[in-house]
Amino acid sequence: GLLNGNTEQRTQAALAFADIIDRTAADSLKPFVTQITGPLIRVVSERSVDIKAAVFYALNKLLEKIPLAVKHFLPQLQRTFARGLADTTSETLRNRAAKGLGILITLTPRVDPLVAELVAGSKTDDDGVKNAMMKALLEVVDKAGGSMSEASRNAVLALIDDDSSDRTGMKATV
């Protein structure tokens, strides 16, 4: 099962959750949000990238279907997805984390701490992680840019300027 099985069983259990979420009406899912979300969050701390990717897939399905019902899990989900962005081993995992943050940000009252975390994470040397952080930042700005402070806007603009000057510098040296 999801909590006690081996890696393959946990991965399949998370995918089964995603399938059940997909096939169940939103009103029928709402009473079980805690029973679904809690174990998924606990399992995502596993080391296996396959388990994490399957859990992120299931969490994204849940967030897409009943975002307001998952609202009381926002802090844990935001931390979980933010950690997933920094995973250097799996592009799928990073993309699912970025997608999850994009959904979550519409429910989050304060976007500035997440913007600061994403801007800082975007300054990594790992291209995959940098791209995932930038995708997530794009989601945040697209969906909640109006809620950003002036400091956050300036940090994002500075990041864009730094990135474009890095690319210009690379072209000039080639």
Protein backbone atom coordinates (compact mmCIF):
# COMPACT_ATOMS: atom_id res chain seq x y z
CA GLY A 1 0.00 0.00 0.00
CA LEU A 2 0.84 3.66 0.03
CA LEU A 3 2.26 3.85 3.55
CA ASN A 4 3.84 0.43 4.08
CA GLY A 5 4.59 -1.13 0.69
CA ASN A 6 7.82 -1.36 -1.23
CA THR A 7 8.79 1.32 -3.74
CA GLU A 8 6.77 -0.16 -6.60
CA GLN A 9 3.68 -0.67 -4.42
CA ARG A 10 3.85 2.88 -3.08
CA THR A 11 4.25 4.29 -6.58
CA GLN A 12 1.29 2.28 -7.87
CA ALA A 13 -0.81 3.23 -4.83
CA ALA A 14 -0.17 6.95 -5.46
CA LEU A 15 -1.09 6.50 -9.13
CA ALA A 16 -4.24 4.65 -8.04
CA PHE A 17 -5.14 7.62 -5.84
CA ALA A 18 -4.71 9.88 -8.88
CA ASP A 19 -6.97 7.61 -10.93
CA ILE A 20 -9.63 7.55 -8.21
CA ILE A 21 -9.46 11.34 -7.87
CA ASP A 22 -9.81 11.67 -11.63
CA ARG A 23 -12.88 9.42 -11.77
CA THR A 24 -14.70 10.70 -8.67
CA ALA A 25 -17.01 13.70 -8.53
CA ALA A 26 -15.67 16.66 -6.57
CA ASP A 27 -18.54 16.61 -4.06
CA SER A 28 -17.88 12.95 -3.35
CA LEU A 29 -14.16 13.59 -2.76
CA LYS A 30 -14.50 16.53 -0.36
CA PRO A 31 -15.33 14.48 2.77
CA PHE A 32 -12.14 12.44 2.24
CA VAL A 33 -9.63 15.21 1.53
CA THR A 34 -7.76 14.72 4.81
CA GLN A 35 -7.63 10.93 4.44
CA ILE A 36 -6.22 11.33 0.92
CA THR A 37 -3.91 14.32 1.31
CA GLY A 38 -2.30 13.43 4.66
CA PRO A 39 -0.83 10.08 3.59
CA LEU A 40 0.29 11.50 0.23
CA ILE A 41 2.22 14.27 1.98
CA ARG A 42 3.80 11.75 4.39
CA VAL A 43 4.91 9.44 1.58
CA VAL A 44 6.42 12.23 -0.54
CA SER A 45 9.33 12.45 1.91
CA GLU A 46 10.57 9.09 0.58
CA ARG A 47 13.84 9.05 -1.34
CA SER A 48 12.43 7.35 -4.42
CA VAL A 49 11.90 9.78 -7.29
CA ASP A 50 9.24 7.47 -8.73
CA ILE A 51 7.19 7.66 -5.53
CA LYS A 52 7.56 11.44 -5.34
CA ALA A 53 6.57 11.90 -8.99
CA ALA A 54 3.48 9.69 -8.54
CA VAL A 55 2.50 11.54 -5.35
CA PHE A 56 2.91 14.94 -7.04
CA TYR A 57 0.75 13.67 -9.89
CA ALA A 58 -1.99 12.62 -7.43
CA LEU A 59 -1.73 15.87 -5.46
CA ASN A 60 -2.01 17.90 -8.67
CA LYS A 61 -5.14 15.97 -9.65
CA LEU A 62 -6.62 16.72 -6.23
CA LEU A 63 -5.67 20.40 -6.43
CA GLU A 64 -7.18 20.70 -9.90
CA LYS A 65 -10.44 19.06 -8.86
CA ILE A 66 -11.08 20.57 -5.41
CA PRO A 67 -8.52 23.29 -4.66
CA LEU A 68 -10.46 24.99 -1.86
CA ALA A 69 -10.96 21.72 0.01
CA VAL A 70 -7.18 21.24 0.19
CA LYS A 71 -6.60 24.79 1.45
CA HIS A 72 -5.76 23.83 5.05
CA PHE A 73 -2.79 21.81 3.72
CA LEU A 74 -1.29 24.85 1.94
CA PRO A 75 1.84 25.28 4.09
CA GLN A 76 2.84 21.61 3.85
CA LEU A 77 2.04 21.40 0.15
CA GLN A 78 3.94 24.58 -0.64
CA ARG A 79 7.05 23.30 1.17
CA THR A 80 6.69 19.89 -0.45
CA PHE A 81 6.38 21.26 -3.98
CA ALA A 82 9.19 23.78 -3.41
CA ARG A 83 11.52 20.95 -2.35
CA GLY A 84 10.47 19.01 -5.45
CA LEU A 85 11.60 21.89 -7.65
CA ALA A 86 15.13 21.54 -6.30
CA ASP A 87 15.41 17.83 -7.14
CA THR A 88 18.35 17.41 -9.49
CA THR A 89 17.46 13.89 -10.64
CA SER A 90 14.05 14.15 -12.32
CA GLU A 91 12.62 16.66 -14.77
CA THR A 92 9.19 15.04 -14.43
CA LEU A 93 9.26 15.61 -10.68
CA ARG A 94 10.33 19.24 -11.09
CA ASN A 95 7.61 19.90 -13.71
CA ARG A 96 4.93 18.39 -11.49
CA ALA A 97 6.17 20.47 -8.56
CA ALA A 98 6.01 23.64 -10.67
CA LYS A 99 2.49 22.77 -11.77
CA GLY A 100 1.42 22.16 -8.17
CA LEU A 101 2.84 25.48 -7.02
CA GLY A 102 1.03 27.17 -9.89
CA ILE A 103 -2.27 25.83 -8.60
CA LEU A 104 -1.46 26.51 -4.94
CA ILE A 105 -0.48 30.11 -5.49
CA THR A 106 -4.06 31.01 -6.39
CA LEU A 107 -5.05 29.98 -2.84
CA THR A 108 -2.13 31.54 -0.98
CA PRO A 109 -2.71 34.92 0.66
CA ARG A 110 1.00 35.84 0.84
CA VAL A 111 3.03 35.20 -2.30
CA ASP A 112 6.19 37.14 -1.42
CA PRO A 113 7.92 34.40 0.64
CA LEU A 114 7.44 31.92 -2.22
CA VAL A 115 8.67 34.45 -4.79
CA ALA A 116 11.80 35.04 -2.69
CA GLU A 117 12.39 31.28 -2.42
CA LEU A 118 11.95 30.78 -6.17
CA VAL A 119 14.20 33.72 -7.07
CA ALA A 120 16.92 32.36 -4.76
CA GLY A 121 16.48 28.83 -6.14
CA SER A 122 16.75 30.13 -9.70
CA LYS A 123 20.34 31.18 -9.09
CA THR A 124 21.60 27.59 -9.09
CA ASP A 125 24.13 26.21 -11.55
CA ASP A 126 21.94 23.17 -12.28
CA ASP A 127 20.08 24.00 -15.52
CA GLY A 128 17.22 21.58 -14.81
CA VAL A 129 16.56 23.02 -11.36
CA LYS A 130 16.95 26.57 -12.67
CA ASN A 131 14.40 25.93 -15.44
CA ALA A 132 11.94 24.39 -12.97
CA MET A 133 12.31 27.34 -10.59
CA MET A 134 11.77 29.74 -13.49
CA LYS A 135 8.67 27.80 -14.65
CA ALA A 136 7.26 27.95 -11.14
CA LEU A 137 8.08 31.65 -10.91
CA LEU A 138 6.28 32.22 -14.21
CA GLU A 139 3.23 30.40 -12.81
CA VAL A 140 3.31 32.54 -9.67
CA VAL A 141 3.69 35.82 -11.55
CA ASP A 142 1.03 34.81 -14.08
CA LYS A 143 -1.54 33.79 -11.49
CA ALA A 144 -0.73 36.00 -8.51
CA GLY A 145 1.48 38.80 -9.81
CA GLY A 146 -1.00 41.40 -8.63
CA SER A 147 -0.44 40.26 -5.04
CA MET A 148 3.34 40.67 -5.20
CA SER A 149 5.05 43.44 -3.30
CA GLU A 150 7.30 45.97 -5.02
CA ALA A 151 10.34 44.17 -3.57
CA SER A 152 9.21 40.88 -5.12
CA ARG A 153 8.60 42.53 -8.49
CA ASN A 154 12.07 44.06 -8.38
CA ALA A 155 13.64 40.71 -7.45
CA VAL A 156 11.92 39.02 -10.41
CA LEU A 157 12.97 41.80 -12.78
CA ALA A 158 16.56 41.63 -11.51
CA LEU A 159 16.54 37.87 -12.06
CA ILE A 160 15.34 38.36 -15.64
CA ASP A 161 18.02 41.00 -16.23
CA ASP A 162 20.72 38.72 -14.76
CA ASP A 163 19.55 35.79 -16.87
CA SER A 164 19.47 37.77 -20.10
CA SER A 165 22.90 39.31 -19.42
CA ASP A 166 24.27 35.81 -18.72
CA ARG A 167 22.96 34.64 -22.08
CA THR A 168 24.34 37.70 -23.85
CA GLY A 169 27.69 37.15 -22.16
CA MET A 170 27.71 33.52 -23.26
CA LYS A 171 27.03 34.50 -26.87
CA ALA A 172 29.77 37.13 -26.80
CA THR A 173 32.38 34.62 -25.61
CA VAL A 174 31.47 31.95 -28.16
